[in-house]
Amino acid sequence: MQNECCLVAYFSCSGRTEKVARALAAAAGADLYRIRPAQPYTAADLDWTKRDSRSSVEMADPSSRPAVADRCEGMDAYRVVFVGFPIWWYVAPRIVQTFLESYDFSGKTVIPFCTSGGSGVGRTDAVLHASCPPSVRWKPARLWKNADEGALRAWLKELGV
């Protein structure tokens, strides 16, 4: 995968995933794209302890696909796409599925990475991989609690990026 055009696309609400995404993009020499919801999340929307909060309702409905605010221009040029997000209910937020289902990832390598306050990656790979065409080269999701530059560079080397 060396010298291929790379993108780091990420969804972040608290800034934690954004921090990892920015460091990863810098380490990989990749472009950066923020997956922004068309309707921004409020603090009340993100209150996972309330069954009627927006995030709880979205995550309870596997068919929910929150709209993304804008498109990532030039997606065809990217051969390797890192996709970052926080873990919600042991999977990626539904907006990540919206992102993956909005582009043709055929023949591309998709590498998910995530952050979490305490849970593991759960069913993330199975759920997200199903949102991509069969010809995608899928790498297992990597959970980052504290991603320093050295750890990110070692991961990129391991991946061949």
Protein backbone atom coordinates (compact mmCIF):
# COMPACT_ATOMS: atom_id res chain seq x y z
CA MET A 1 0.00 0.00 0.00
CA GLN A 2 2.98 2.32 0.12
CA ASN A 3 2.71 5.69 -1.67
CA GLU A 4 -0.99 5.31 -2.36
CA CYS A 5 -3.27 8.27 -1.84
CA CYS A 6 -4.69 8.06 1.69
CA LEU A 7 -7.62 9.67 3.45
CA VAL A 8 -8.43 9.80 7.14
CA ALA A 9 -12.19 10.32 7.48
CA TYR A 10 -13.54 10.67 11.00
CA PHE A 11 -16.63 11.38 13.07
CA SER A 12 -16.05 12.98 16.47
CA CYS A 13 -18.33 14.62 19.02
CA SER A 14 -16.06 15.16 22.01
CA GLY A 15 -12.81 15.79 20.13
CA ARG A 16 -11.15 12.56 21.28
CA THR A 17 -11.51 10.79 17.94
CA GLU A 18 -10.55 13.99 16.12
CA LYS A 19 -7.28 14.13 18.05
CA VAL A 20 -6.38 10.58 16.97
CA ALA A 21 -7.50 11.29 13.38
CA ARG A 22 -5.33 14.39 13.10
CA ALA A 23 -2.30 12.57 14.50
CA LEU A 24 -2.90 9.62 12.16
CA ALA A 25 -3.25 11.88 9.12
CA ALA A 26 0.00 13.64 10.02
CA ALA A 27 1.83 10.32 10.53
CA ALA A 28 0.51 8.88 7.25
CA GLY A 29 0.79 12.05 5.19
CA ALA A 30 -2.92 11.62 4.48
CA ASP A 31 -5.74 14.02 3.70
CA LEU A 32 -8.29 14.65 6.43
CA TYR A 33 -12.10 14.73 6.15
CA ARG A 34 -14.51 15.29 9.03
CA ILE A 35 -17.81 13.39 8.82
CA ARG A 36 -20.19 16.07 10.04
CA PRO A 37 -23.89 15.43 10.63
CA ALA A 38 -26.30 17.60 8.61
CA GLN A 39 -28.06 18.24 11.93
CA PRO A 40 -25.35 18.75 14.57
CA TYR A 41 -25.66 16.79 17.79
CA THR A 42 -26.45 18.70 20.97
CA ALA A 43 -25.39 17.60 24.45
CA ALA A 44 -28.96 16.36 25.00
CA ASP A 45 -28.79 14.37 21.73
CA LEU A 46 -25.68 12.58 22.99
CA ASP A 47 -27.05 11.66 26.43
CA TRP A 48 -26.87 7.88 26.13
CA THR A 49 -28.56 7.47 29.54
CA LYS A 50 -31.85 8.78 28.07
CA ARG A 51 -33.72 6.27 25.93
CA ASP A 52 -35.34 9.07 23.93
CA SER A 53 -32.12 10.98 23.15
CA ARG A 54 -31.29 11.26 19.47
CA SER A 55 -28.20 9.02 19.73
CA SER A 56 -30.12 6.36 21.67
CA VAL A 57 -32.96 6.36 19.13
CA GLU A 58 -30.54 6.17 16.18
CA MET A 59 -28.54 3.35 17.72
CA ALA A 60 -31.69 1.37 18.58
CA ASP A 61 -32.68 1.39 14.89
CA PRO A 62 -30.24 -0.55 12.67
CA SER A 63 -31.73 1.11 9.58
CA SER A 64 -31.11 4.65 10.87
CA ARG A 65 -28.80 6.64 8.59
CA PRO A 66 -28.28 10.20 9.84
CA ALA A 67 -27.50 12.57 6.98
CA VAL A 68 -23.94 13.78 6.45
CA ALA A 69 -23.54 17.56 5.98
CA ASP A 70 -21.24 17.47 2.95
CA ARG A 71 -19.50 15.14 0.53
CA CYS A 72 -15.85 14.24 0.52
CA GLU A 73 -14.63 15.52 -2.83
CA GLY A 74 -12.19 13.40 -4.81
CA MET A 75 -13.03 10.11 -3.11
CA ASP A 76 -12.17 8.22 -6.31
CA ALA A 77 -8.50 9.21 -5.91
CA TYR A 78 -8.10 7.51 -2.53
CA ARG A 79 -6.89 3.92 -2.46
CA VAL A 80 -6.66 3.69 1.34
CA VAL A 81 -9.35 5.15 3.59
CA PHE A 82 -9.03 5.18 7.36
CA VAL A 83 -12.42 5.66 9.04
CA GLY A 84 -12.44 6.88 12.64
CA PHE A 85 -15.24 7.15 15.17
CA PRO A 86 -16.15 6.74 18.84
CA ILE A 87 -17.73 3.46 19.91
CA TRP A 88 -21.44 3.82 20.68
CA TRP A 89 -23.31 0.79 22.01
CA TYR A 90 -20.41 -1.51 20.97
CA VAL A 91 -20.50 -0.40 17.32
CA ALA A 92 -19.81 2.69 15.22
CA PRO A 93 -22.38 5.50 15.25
CA ARG A 94 -24.94 5.07 12.45
CA ILE A 95 -23.59 8.14 10.62
CA VAL A 96 -20.45 6.13 9.85
CA GLN A 97 -22.62 3.66 7.96
CA THR A 98 -24.16 6.62 6.10
CA PHE A 99 -20.65 7.69 5.10
CA LEU A 100 -19.58 4.21 3.97
CA GLU A 101 -22.80 3.68 1.99
CA SER A 102 -22.44 7.06 0.24
CA TYR A 103 -19.35 6.15 -1.82
CA ASP A 104 -18.10 3.27 -3.92
CA PHE A 105 -15.27 1.68 -1.95
CA SER A 106 -14.79 -1.15 -4.49
CA GLY A 107 -11.12 -2.11 -4.66
CA LYS A 108 -10.12 0.28 -1.88
CA THR A 109 -8.61 -0.63 1.46
CA VAL A 110 -10.77 0.48 4.40
CA ILE A 111 -9.15 0.62 7.82
CA PRO A 112 -11.43 1.51 10.74
CA PHE A 113 -10.09 2.98 13.97
CA CYS A 114 -12.03 3.98 17.04
CA THR A 115 -11.92 5.50 20.48
CA SER A 116 -13.90 4.48 23.51
CA GLY A 117 -14.45 5.51 27.08
CA GLY A 118 -14.35 1.92 28.23
CA SER A 119 -15.85 -0.61 25.83
CA GLY A 120 -14.14 -2.65 23.14
CA VAL A 121 -14.84 -2.70 19.41
CA GLY A 122 -17.73 -5.15 19.83
CA ARG A 123 -19.50 -5.92 16.53
CA THR A 124 -17.98 -2.91 14.75
CA ASP A 125 -16.16 -4.81 12.01
CA ALA A 126 -19.13 -6.99 11.07
CA VAL A 127 -21.60 -4.09 11.03
CA LEU A 128 -19.40 -1.69 9.06
CA HIS A 129 -17.99 -4.26 6.65
CA ALA A 130 -21.58 -5.04 5.60
CA SER A 131 -21.92 -1.38 4.52
CA CYS A 132 -19.16 -1.84 1.91
CA PRO A 133 -19.04 -3.75 -1.37
CA PRO A 134 -17.56 -7.27 -1.33
CA SER A 135 -14.43 -6.15 -3.20
CA VAL A 136 -13.29 -3.81 -0.41
CA ARG A 137 -10.06 -4.82 1.31
CA TRP A 138 -11.12 -4.65 4.95
CA LYS A 139 -8.69 -4.40 7.84
CA PRO A 140 -9.81 -5.10 11.42
CA ALA A 141 -10.82 -2.11 13.53
CA ARG A 142 -8.18 -0.77 15.90
CA LEU A 143 -9.13 0.76 19.23
CA TRP A 144 -7.02 3.70 20.40
CA LYS A 145 -7.10 4.90 23.97
CA ASN A 146 -3.97 7.08 23.78
CA ALA A 147 -2.45 7.24 20.33
CA ASP A 148 0.99 8.76 20.37
CA GLU A 149 2.98 9.39 17.22
CA GLY A 150 5.27 6.41 17.75
CA ALA A 151 2.38 3.98 18.21
CA LEU A 152 0.62 5.35 15.14
CA ARG A 153 3.77 5.06 13.01
CA ALA A 154 4.27 1.47 14.19
CA TRP A 155 0.65 0.65 13.25
CA LEU A 156 1.08 2.23 9.81
CA LYS A 157 4.23 0.21 9.26
CA GLU A 158 2.41 -2.96 10.33
CA LEU A 159 -0.34 -2.14 7.80
CA GLY A 160 2.16 -1.32 5.06
CA VAL A 161 0.93 2.27 4.73
